[in-house]
Amino acid sequence: MPKEYVVIGLIALAGFLGGGVYSTWRTARGLAVVLLVLALVAVGAAVTWLL
């Protein structure tokens, strides 16, 4: 699998998790923080994988 596909998938996952953060921030802040951390890990993994 080309590494560009993995990077695109990780960025898409980060976007999906970011949307979860946005939608759950008012009702469940603890879950939103967990989703935010996971989104940041996905972005970090995408950058690391690309380099």
N, C-alpha and C. Protein backbone atom coordinates (compact mmCIF):
# COMPACT_ATOMS: atom_id res chain seq x y z
N MET A 1 0.85 -1.17 0.00
CA MET A 1 0.00 0.00 0.00
C MET A 1 0.90 1.23 0.00
N PRO A 2 0.66 2.15 -0.93
CA PRO A 2 1.46 3.38 -0.93
C PRO A 2 1.24 4.18 0.35
N LYS A 3 2.31 4.83 0.80
CA LYS A 3 2.20 5.53 2.07
C LYS A 3 1.27 6.74 2.00
N GLU A 4 1.00 7.24 0.82
CA GLU A 4 0.05 8.36 0.71
C GLU A 4 -1.36 7.94 1.12
N TYR A 5 -1.72 6.70 0.82
CA TYR A 5 -3.04 6.21 1.22
C TYR A 5 -3.17 6.15 2.74
N VAL A 6 -2.11 5.75 3.38
CA VAL A 6 -2.14 5.67 4.85
C VAL A 6 -2.26 7.07 5.43
N VAL A 7 -1.52 8.02 4.88
CA VAL A 7 -1.57 9.40 5.38
C VAL A 7 -2.96 9.98 5.18
N ILE A 8 -3.55 9.76 4.02
CA ILE A 8 -4.90 10.26 3.75
C ILE A 8 -5.90 9.63 4.71
N GLY A 9 -5.75 8.34 4.97
CA GLY A 9 -6.64 7.66 5.91
C GLY A 9 -6.51 8.20 7.32
N LEU A 10 -5.28 8.47 7.75
CA LEU A 10 -5.08 9.01 9.10
C LEU A 10 -5.62 10.43 9.22
N ILE A 11 -5.46 11.23 8.17
CA ILE A 11 -6.02 12.58 8.22
C ILE A 11 -7.55 12.53 8.21
N ALA A 12 -8.11 11.60 7.45
CA ALA A 12 -9.57 11.44 7.46
C ALA A 12 -10.06 11.00 8.84
N LEU A 13 -9.32 10.09 9.46
CA LEU A 13 -9.67 9.66 10.82
C LEU A 13 -9.60 10.83 11.79
N ALA A 14 -8.57 11.66 11.66
CA ALA A 14 -8.44 12.83 12.53
C ALA A 14 -9.61 13.80 12.32
N GLY A 15 -10.03 13.96 11.09
CA GLY A 15 -11.18 14.82 10.80
C GLY A 15 -12.46 14.27 11.41
N PHE A 16 -12.64 12.97 11.31
CA PHE A 16 -13.80 12.33 11.90
C PHE A 16 -13.81 12.50 13.42
N LEU A 17 -12.64 12.30 14.03
CA LEU A 17 -12.54 12.49 15.49
C LEU A 17 -12.72 13.95 15.88
N GLY A 18 -12.22 14.86 15.04
CA GLY A 18 -12.43 16.28 15.31
C GLY A 18 -13.90 16.66 15.27
N GLY A 19 -14.64 16.07 14.36
CA GLY A 19 -16.08 16.29 14.33
C GLY A 19 -16.75 15.75 15.58
N GLY A 20 -16.25 14.65 16.08
CA GLY A 20 -16.77 14.11 17.34
C GLY A 20 -16.49 15.04 18.51
N VAL A 21 -15.33 15.66 18.50
CA VAL A 21 -15.00 16.63 19.55
C VAL A 21 -15.97 17.79 19.49
N TYR A 22 -16.20 18.30 18.29
CA TYR A 22 -17.09 19.45 18.12
C TYR A 22 -18.51 19.13 18.57
N SER A 23 -18.98 17.93 18.26
CA SER A 23 -20.36 17.60 18.57
C SER A 23 -20.57 17.20 20.03
N THR A 24 -19.54 16.73 20.72
CA THR A 24 -19.73 16.28 22.10
C THR A 24 -19.22 17.27 23.14
N TRP A 25 -18.66 18.39 22.71
CA TRP A 25 -18.03 19.31 23.66
C TRP A 25 -19.02 19.82 24.71
N ARG A 26 -20.24 20.16 24.32
CA ARG A 26 -21.20 20.72 25.27
C ARG A 26 -21.77 19.69 26.24
N THR A 27 -21.91 18.47 25.81
CA THR A 27 -22.59 17.48 26.64
C THR A 27 -21.65 16.58 27.43
N ALA A 28 -20.55 16.19 26.82
CA ALA A 28 -19.64 15.23 27.48
C ALA A 28 -18.20 15.69 27.26
N ARG A 29 -17.75 16.58 28.10
CA ARG A 29 -16.41 17.16 27.90
C ARG A 29 -15.30 16.14 28.09
N GLY A 30 -15.48 15.19 28.97
CA GLY A 30 -14.46 14.16 29.17
C GLY A 30 -14.24 13.35 27.90
N LEU A 31 -15.33 12.93 27.29
CA LEU A 31 -15.24 12.18 26.04
C LEU A 31 -14.66 13.05 24.94
N ALA A 32 -15.01 14.33 24.92
CA ALA A 32 -14.47 15.24 23.91
C ALA A 32 -12.96 15.38 24.04
N VAL A 33 -12.46 15.41 25.26
CA VAL A 33 -11.02 15.51 25.47
C VAL A 33 -10.32 14.24 24.99
N VAL A 34 -10.92 13.10 25.26
CA VAL A 34 -10.35 11.83 24.79
C VAL A 34 -10.32 11.81 23.26
N LEU A 35 -11.40 12.23 22.63
CA LEU A 35 -11.43 12.27 21.17
C LEU A 35 -10.42 13.26 20.61
N LEU A 36 -10.22 14.38 21.30
CA LEU A 36 -9.23 15.36 20.87
C LEU A 36 -7.82 14.78 20.93
N VAL A 37 -7.53 14.06 21.99
CA VAL A 37 -6.21 13.43 22.10
C VAL A 37 -6.02 12.41 20.99
N LEU A 38 -7.03 11.62 20.71
CA LEU A 38 -6.94 10.64 19.63
C LEU A 38 -6.77 11.30 18.27
N ALA A 39 -7.45 12.43 18.05
CA ALA A 39 -7.29 13.16 16.80
C ALA A 39 -5.87 13.70 16.66
N LEU A 40 -5.31 14.20 17.73
CA LEU A 40 -3.95 14.72 17.69
C LEU A 40 -2.94 13.59 17.44
N VAL A 41 -3.19 12.44 18.01
CA VAL A 41 -2.32 11.28 17.77
C VAL A 41 -2.40 10.88 16.30
N ALA A 42 -3.59 10.90 15.72
CA ALA A 42 -3.75 10.53 14.31
C ALA A 42 -3.02 11.52 13.41
N VAL A 43 -3.10 12.80 13.70
CA VAL A 43 -2.39 13.80 12.91
C VAL A 43 -0.88 13.62 13.07
N GLY A 44 -0.44 13.40 14.29
CA GLY A 44 0.98 13.17 14.52
C GLY A 44 1.48 11.94 13.80
N ALA A 45 0.69 10.89 13.79
CA ALA A 45 1.07 9.67 13.08
C ALA A 45 1.12 9.91 11.58
N ALA A 46 0.19 10.71 11.06
CA ALA A 46 0.19 11.01 9.62
C ALA A 46 1.45 11.78 9.24
N VAL A 47 1.81 12.77 10.04
CA VAL A 47 3.02 13.55 9.74
C VAL A 47 4.25 12.67 9.85
N THR A 48 4.32 11.85 10.88
CA THR A 48 5.46 10.96 11.06
C THR A 48 5.55 9.96 9.91
N TRP A 49 4.43 9.40 9.50
CA TRP A 49 4.42 8.41 8.43
C TRP A 49 4.86 9.05 7.11
N LEU A 50 4.47 10.31 6.90
CA LEU A 50 4.82 11.00 5.66
C LEU A 50 6.31 11.29 5.59
N LEU A 51 6.92 11.59 6.74
CA LEU A 51 8.34 11.89 6.75
C LEU A 51 9.12 10.60 6.72
